[in-house]
PDB file of N, CA and C in Angstrom:
ATOM      1  N   MET A   1      91.365  58.956 176.449  1.00  0.00           N
ATOM      2  CA  MET A   1      91.780  58.721 177.824  1.00  0.00           C
ATOM      3  C   MET A   1      90.613  58.126 178.615  1.00  0.00           C
ATOM      4  N   ASN A   2      90.636  56.836 178.790  1.00  0.00           N
ATOM      5  CA  ASN A   2      89.622  56.146 179.579  1.00  0.00           C
ATOM      6  C   ASN A   2      88.212  56.480 179.114  1.00  0.00           C
ATOM      7  N   GLN A   3      88.036  56.634 177.820  1.00  0.00           N
ATOM      8  CA  GLN A   3      86.737  56.941 177.215  1.00  0.00           C
ATOM      9  C   GLN A   3      86.131  58.225 177.774  1.00  0.00           C
ATOM     10  N   LYS A   4      86.982  59.227 177.968  1.00  0.00           N
ATOM     11  CA  LYS A   4      86.542  60.526 178.453  1.00  0.00           C
ATOM     12  C   LYS A   4      87.166  61.614 177.593  1.00  0.00           C
ATOM     13  N   PHE A   5      86.412  62.686 177.449  1.00  0.00           N
ATOM     14  CA  PHE A   5      86.972  63.903 176.881  1.00  0.00           C
ATOM     15  C   PHE A   5      87.494  64.722 178.052  1.00  0.00           C
ATOM     16  N   ILE A   6      88.677  65.291 177.914  1.00  0.00           N
ATOM     17  CA  ILE A   6      89.232  66.136 178.954  1.00  0.00           C
ATOM     18  C   ILE A   6      89.375  67.537 178.384  1.00  0.00           C
ATOM     19  N   ILE A   7      88.742  68.483 179.069  1.00  0.00           N
ATOM     20  CA  ILE A   7      88.795  69.884 178.660  1.00  0.00           C
ATOM     21  C   ILE A   7      89.621  70.605 179.713  1.00  0.00           C
ATOM     22  N   LYS A   8      90.678  71.282 179.281  1.00  0.00           N
ATOM     23  CA  LYS A   8      91.557  71.952 180.226  1.00  0.00           C
ATOM     24  C   LYS A   8      91.677  73.428 179.871  1.00  0.00           C
ATOM     25  N   PHE A   9      91.549  74.259 180.906  1.00  0.00           N
ATOM     26  CA  PHE A   9      91.739  75.697 180.769  1.00  0.00           C
ATOM     27  C   PHE A   9      92.903  76.092 181.661  1.00  0.00           C
ATOM     28  N   GLU A  10      93.782  76.940 181.166  1.00  0.00           N
ATOM     29  CA  GLU A  10      94.906  77.433 181.955  1.00  0.00           C
ATOM     30  C   GLU A  10      94.929  78.948 181.900  1.00  0.00           C
ATOM     31  N   GLN A  11      95.273  79.519 183.043  1.00  0.00           N
ATOM     32  CA  GLN A  11      95.462  80.966 183.124  1.00  0.00           C
ATOM     33  C   GLN A  11      96.634  81.198 184.067  1.00  0.00           C
ATOM     34  N   GLY A  12      97.782  81.512 183.519  1.00  0.00           N
ATOM     35  CA  GLY A  12      98.973  81.666 184.347  1.00  0.00           C
ATOM     36  C   GLY A  12      99.311  80.353 185.029  1.00  0.00           C
ATOM     37  N   THR A  13      99.395  80.390 186.349  1.00  0.00           N
ATOM     38  CA  THR A  13      99.734  79.189 187.114  1.00  0.00           C
ATOM     39  C   THR A  13      98.512  78.379 187.518  1.00  0.00           C
ATOM     40  N   LEU A  14      97.333  78.841 187.158  1.00  0.00           N
ATOM     41  CA  LEU A  14      96.097  78.157 187.533  1.00  0.00           C
ATOM     42  C   LEU A  14      95.588  77.291 186.395  1.00  0.00           C
ATOM     43  N   GLU A  15      94.874  76.247 186.764  1.00  0.00           N
ATOM     44  CA  GLU A  15      94.356  75.312 185.771  1.00  0.00           C
ATOM     45  C   GLU A  15      93.011  74.761 186.226  1.00  0.00           C
ATOM     46  N   GLN A  16      92.104  74.607 185.282  1.00  0.00           N
ATOM     47  CA  GLN A  16      90.826  73.946 185.522  1.00  0.00           C
ATOM     48  C   GLN A  16      90.688  72.818 184.509  1.00  0.00           C
ATOM     49  N   SER A  17      90.270  71.650 184.980  1.00  0.00           N
ATOM     50  CA  SER A  17      90.062  70.511 184.095  1.00  0.00           C
ATOM     51  C   SER A  17      88.662  69.963 184.282  1.00  0.00           C
ATOM     52  N   TYR A  18      88.066  69.578 183.185  1.00  0.00           N
ATOM     53  CA  TYR A  18      86.735  68.975 183.191  1.00  0.00           C
ATOM     54  C   TYR A  18      86.811  67.671 182.413  1.00  0.00           C
ATOM     55  N   LYS A  19      86.282  66.603 182.990  1.00  0.00           N
ATOM     56  CA  LYS A  19      86.267  65.303 182.316  1.00  0.00           C
ATOM     57  C   LYS A  19      84.823  64.927 182.039  1.00  0.00           C
ATOM     58  N   ILE A  20      84.556  64.558 180.810  1.00  0.00           N
ATOM     59  CA  ILE A  20      83.206  64.203 180.384  1.00  0.00           C
ATOM     60  C   ILE A  20      83.271  62.836 179.711  1.00  0.00           C
ATOM     61  N   ALA A  21      82.453  61.916 180.173  1.00  0.00           N
ATOM     62  CA  ALA A  21      82.412  60.594 179.561  1.00  0.00           C
ATOM     63  C   ALA A  21      81.952  60.721 178.112  1.00  0.00           C
ATOM     64  N   GLU A  22      82.594  59.975 177.239  1.00  0.00           N
ATOM     65  CA  GLU A  22      82.228  60.007 175.821  1.00  0.00           C
ATOM     66  C   GLU A  22      80.760  59.668 175.623  1.00  0.00           C
ATOM     67  N   THR A  23      80.226  58.802 176.472  1.00  0.00           N
ATOM     68  CA  THR A  23      78.821  58.391 176.340  1.00  0.00           C
ATOM     69  C   THR A  23      77.848  59.498 176.729  1.00  0.00           C
ATOM     70  N   ASP A  24      78.341  60.533 177.412  1.00  0.00           N
ATOM     71  CA  ASP A  24      77.482  61.651 177.826  1.00  0.00           C
ATOM     72  C   ASP A  24      77.431  62.771 176.793  1.00  0.00           C
ATOM     73  N   VAL A  25      78.177  62.612 175.699  1.00  0.00           N
ATOM     74  CA  VAL A  25      78.258  63.668 174.703  1.00  0.00           C
ATOM     75  C   VAL A  25      77.690  63.167 173.376  1.00  0.00           C
ATOM     76  N   VAL A  26      76.731  63.909 172.866  1.00  0.00           N
ATOM     77  CA  VAL A  26      76.164  63.591 171.558  1.00  0.00           C
ATOM     78  C   VAL A  26      77.063  64.203 170.492  1.00  0.00           C
ATOM     79  N   ASP A  27      77.314  63.519 169.429  1.00  0.00           N
ATOM     80  CA  ASP A  27      78.078  64.008 168.276  1.00  0.00           C
ATOM     81  C   ASP A  27      79.575  64.125 168.546  1.00  0.00           C
ATOM     82  N   GLY A  28      80.110  63.313 169.457  1.00  0.00           N
ATOM     83  CA  GLY A  28      81.551  63.242 169.675  1.00  0.00           C
ATOM     84  C   GLY A  28      82.188  64.569 170.024  1.00  0.00           C
ATOM     85  N   ILE A  29      83.369  64.798 169.471  1.00  0.00           N
ATOM     86  CA  ILE A  29      84.131  66.007 169.793  1.00  0.00           C
ATOM     87  C   ILE A  29      83.373  67.273 169.410  1.00  0.00           C
ATOM     88  N   ASN A  30      82.576  67.214 168.364  1.00  0.00           N
ATOM     89  CA  ASN A  30      81.769  68.381 167.988  1.00  0.00           C
ATOM     90  C   ASN A  30      80.786  68.741 169.096  1.00  0.00           C
ATOM     91  N   GLY A  31      80.251  67.726 169.764  1.00  0.00           N
ATOM     92  CA  GLY A  31      79.350  67.966 170.888  1.00  0.00           C
ATOM     93  C   GLY A  31      80.054  68.643 172.044  1.00  0.00           C
ATOM     94  N   VAL A  32      81.314  68.283 172.260  1.00  0.00           N
ATOM     95  CA  VAL A  32      82.096  68.929 173.324  1.00  0.00           C
ATOM     96  C   VAL A  32      82.246  70.413 173.017  1.00  0.00           C
ATOM     97  N   PHE A  33      82.602  70.740 171.786  1.00  0.00           N
ATOM     98  CA  PHE A  33      82.765  72.151 171.420  1.00  0.00           C
ATOM     99  C   PHE A  33      81.444  72.918 171.528  1.00  0.00           C
ATOM    100  N   GLU A  34      80.331  72.264 171.274  1.00  0.00           N
ATOM    101  CA  GLU A  34      79.037  72.928 171.425  1.00  0.00           C
ATOM    102  C   GLU A  34      78.764  73.268 172.887  1.00  0.00           C
ATOM    103  N   MET A  35      79.267  72.442 173.797  1.00  0.00           N
ATOM    104  CA  MET A  35      79.071  72.699 175.226  1.00  0.00           C
ATOM    105  C   MET A  35      79.847  73.926 175.695  1.00  0.00           C
ATOM    106  N   LEU A  36      80.911  74.257 174.997  1.00  0.00           N
ATOM    107  CA  LEU A  36      81.773  75.361 175.407  1.00  0.00           C
ATOM    108  C   LEU A  36      81.238  76.690 174.886  1.00  0.00           C
ATOM    109  N   ASP A  37      80.040  77.017 175.334  1.00  0.00           N
ATOM    110  CA  ASP A  37      79.407  78.251 174.873  1.00  0.00           C
ATOM    111  C   ASP A  37      79.866  79.444 175.710  1.00  0.00           C
ATOM    112  N   ASP A  38      79.397  80.625 175.347  1.00  0.00           N
ATOM    113  CA  ASP A  38      79.809  81.849 176.036  1.00  0.00           C
ATOM    114  C   ASP A  38      79.490  81.808 177.520  1.00  0.00           C
ATOM    115  N   SER A  39      78.346  81.271 177.884  1.00  0.00           N
ATOM    116  CA  SER A  39      77.948  81.202 179.285  1.00  0.00           C
ATOM    117  C   SER A  39      78.924  80.342 180.088  1.00  0.00           C
ATOM    118  N   PHE A  40      79.307  79.196 179.539  1.00  0.00           N
ATOM    119  CA  PHE A  40      80.257  78.318 180.221  1.00  0.00           C
ATOM    120  C   PHE A  40      81.619  78.993 180.365  1.00  0.00           C
ATOM    121  N   ILE A  41      82.087  79.621 179.309  1.00  0.00           N
ATOM    122  CA  ILE A  41      83.392  80.294 179.353  1.00  0.00           C
ATOM    123  C   ILE A  41      83.387  81.415 180.390  1.00  0.00           C
ATOM    124  N   LYS A  42      82.293  82.152 180.495  1.00  0.00           N
ATOM    125  CA  LYS A  42      82.190  83.203 181.518  1.00  0.00           C
ATOM    126  C   LYS A  42      82.310  82.612 182.915  1.00  0.00           C
ATOM    127  N   GLU A  43      81.714  81.448 183.139  1.00  0.00           N
ATOM    128  CA  GLU A  43      81.809  80.780 184.439  1.00  0.00           C
ATOM    129  C   GLU A  43      83.240  80.319 184.710  1.00  0.00           C
ATOM    130  N   VAL A  44      83.910  79.827 183.693  1.00  0.00           N
ATOM    131  CA  VAL A  44      85.310  79.412 183.845  1.00  0.00           C
ATOM    132  C   VAL A  44      86.162  80.611 184.255  1.00  0.00           C
ATOM    133  N   VAL A  45      85.971  81.729 183.591  1.00  0.00           N
ATOM    134  CA  VAL A  45      86.724  82.950 183.921  1.00  0.00           C
ATOM    135  C   VAL A  45      86.422  83.378 185.356  1.00  0.00           C
ATOM    136  N   ALA A  46      85.160  83.324 185.759  1.00  0.00           N
ATOM    137  CA  ALA A  46      84.785  83.687 187.126  1.00  0.00           C
ATOM    138  C   ALA A  46      85.465  82.760 188.135  1.00  0.00           C
ATOM    139  N   GLN A  47      85.565  81.485 187.812  1.00  0.00           N
ATOM    140  CA  GLN A  47      86.238  80.540 188.707  1.00  0.00           C
ATOM    141  C   GLN A  47      87.722  80.867 188.828  1.00  0.00           C
ATOM    142  N   PHE A  48      88.344  81.281 187.729  1.00  0.00           N
ATOM    143  CA  PHE A  48      89.751  81.677 187.805  1.00  0.00           C
ATOM    144  C   PHE A  48      89.920  82.867 188.747  1.00  0.00           C
ATOM    145  N   ILE A  49      89.010  83.802 188.695  1.00  0.00           N
ATOM    146  CA  ILE A  49      89.079  84.969 189.580  1.00  0.00           C
ATOM    147  C   ILE A  49      88.980  84.517 191.033  1.00  0.00           C
ATOM    148  N   THR A  50      88.048  83.620 191.314  1.00  0.00           N
ATOM    149  CA  THR A  50      87.874  83.086 192.669  1.00  0.00           C
ATOM    150  C   THR A  50      89.109  82.310 193.117  1.00  0.00           C
ATOM    151  N   MET A  51      89.639  81.488 192.223  1.00  0.00           N
ATOM    152  CA  MET A  51      90.827  80.700 192.547  1.00  0.00           C
ATOM    153  C   MET A  51      92.020  81.601 192.864  1.00  0.00           C
ATOM    154  N   ARG A  52      92.226  82.612 192.029  1.00  0.00           N
ATOM    155  CA  ARG A  52      93.359  83.520 192.226  1.00  0.00           C
ATOM    156  C   ARG A  52      93.230  84.268 193.551  1.00  0.00           C
ATOM    157  N   LYS A  53      92.020  84.724 193.857  1.00  0.00           N
ATOM    158  CA  LYS A  53      91.770  85.441 195.114  1.00  0.00           C
ATOM    159  C   LYS A  53      92.066  84.531 196.305  1.00  0.00           C
ATOM    160  N   ALA A  54      91.578  83.300 196.268  1.00  0.00           N
ATOM    161  CA  ALA A  54      91.813  82.357 197.365  1.00  0.00           C
ATOM    162  C   ALA A  54      93.301  82.081 197.536  1.00  0.00           C
ATOM    163  N   PHE A  55      94.003  81.920 196.422  1.00  0.00           N
ATOM    164  CA  PHE A  55      95.434  81.646 196.494  1.00  0.00           C
ATOM    165  C   PHE A  55      96.185  82.827 197.112  1.00  0.00           C
ATOM    166  N   PHE A  56      95.915  84.038 196.631  1.00  0.00           N
ATOM    167  CA  PHE A  56      96.616  85.203 197.149  1.00  0.00           C
ATOM    168  C   PHE A  56      96.307  85.443 198.623  1.00  0.00           C
ATOM    169  N   GLU A  57      95.070  85.204 199.044  1.00  0.00           N
ATOM    170  CA  GLU A  57      94.717  85.348 200.457  1.00  0.00           C
ATOM    171  C   GLU A  57      95.497  84.341 201.301  1.00  0.00           C
ATOM    172  N   SER A  58      95.600  83.123 200.818  1.00  0.00           N
ATOM    173  CA  SER A  58      96.363  82.098 201.525  1.00  0.00           C
ATOM    174  C   SER A  58      97.846  82.464 201.568  1.00  0.00           C
ATOM    175  N   TYR A  59      98.351  82.924 200.448  1.00  0.00           N
ATOM    176  CA  TYR A  59      99.761  83.329 200.361  1.00  0.00           C
ATOM    177  C   TYR A  59     100.068  84.442 201.355  1.00  0.00           C
ATOM    178  N   GLU A  60      99.179  85.415 201.455  1.00  0.00           N
ATOM    179  CA  GLU A  60      99.378  86.525 202.384  1.00  0.00           C
ATOM    180  C   GLU A  60      99.363  86.039 203.821  1.00  0.00           C
ATOM    181  N   ARG A  61      98.527  85.080 204.166  1.00  0.00           N
ATOM    182  CA  ARG A  61      98.511  84.529 205.528  1.00  0.00           C
ATOM    183  C   ARG A  61      99.814  83.788 205.809  1.00  0.00           C
ATOM    184  N   TYR A  62     100.359  83.174 204.800  1.00  0.00           N
ATOM    185  CA  TYR A  62     101.599  82.406 204.954  1.00  0.00           C
ATOM    186  C   TYR A  62     102.793  83.308 205.196  1.00  0.00           C
ATOM    187  N   ASN A  63     102.809  84.462 204.517  1.00  0.00           N
ATOM    188  CA  ASN A  63     103.960  85.372 204.627  1.00  0.00           C
ATOM    189  C   ASN A  63     103.769  86.343 205.725  1.00  0.00           C
TER     190      ASN A  63
END
């Protein structure tokens, strides 16, 4: 896709996408998987928590 790797994480109704130019990754798709280490995954999970909290707070203000 436009010479980019797209990494997508989904949790319920929430989604996070990351686009990385192929030229920024050493060793192709294997390099992408190397980037997805435990530290990165922990940050993704933390972002989902933040996203869910923001959504529910907004939803409560709406109702």
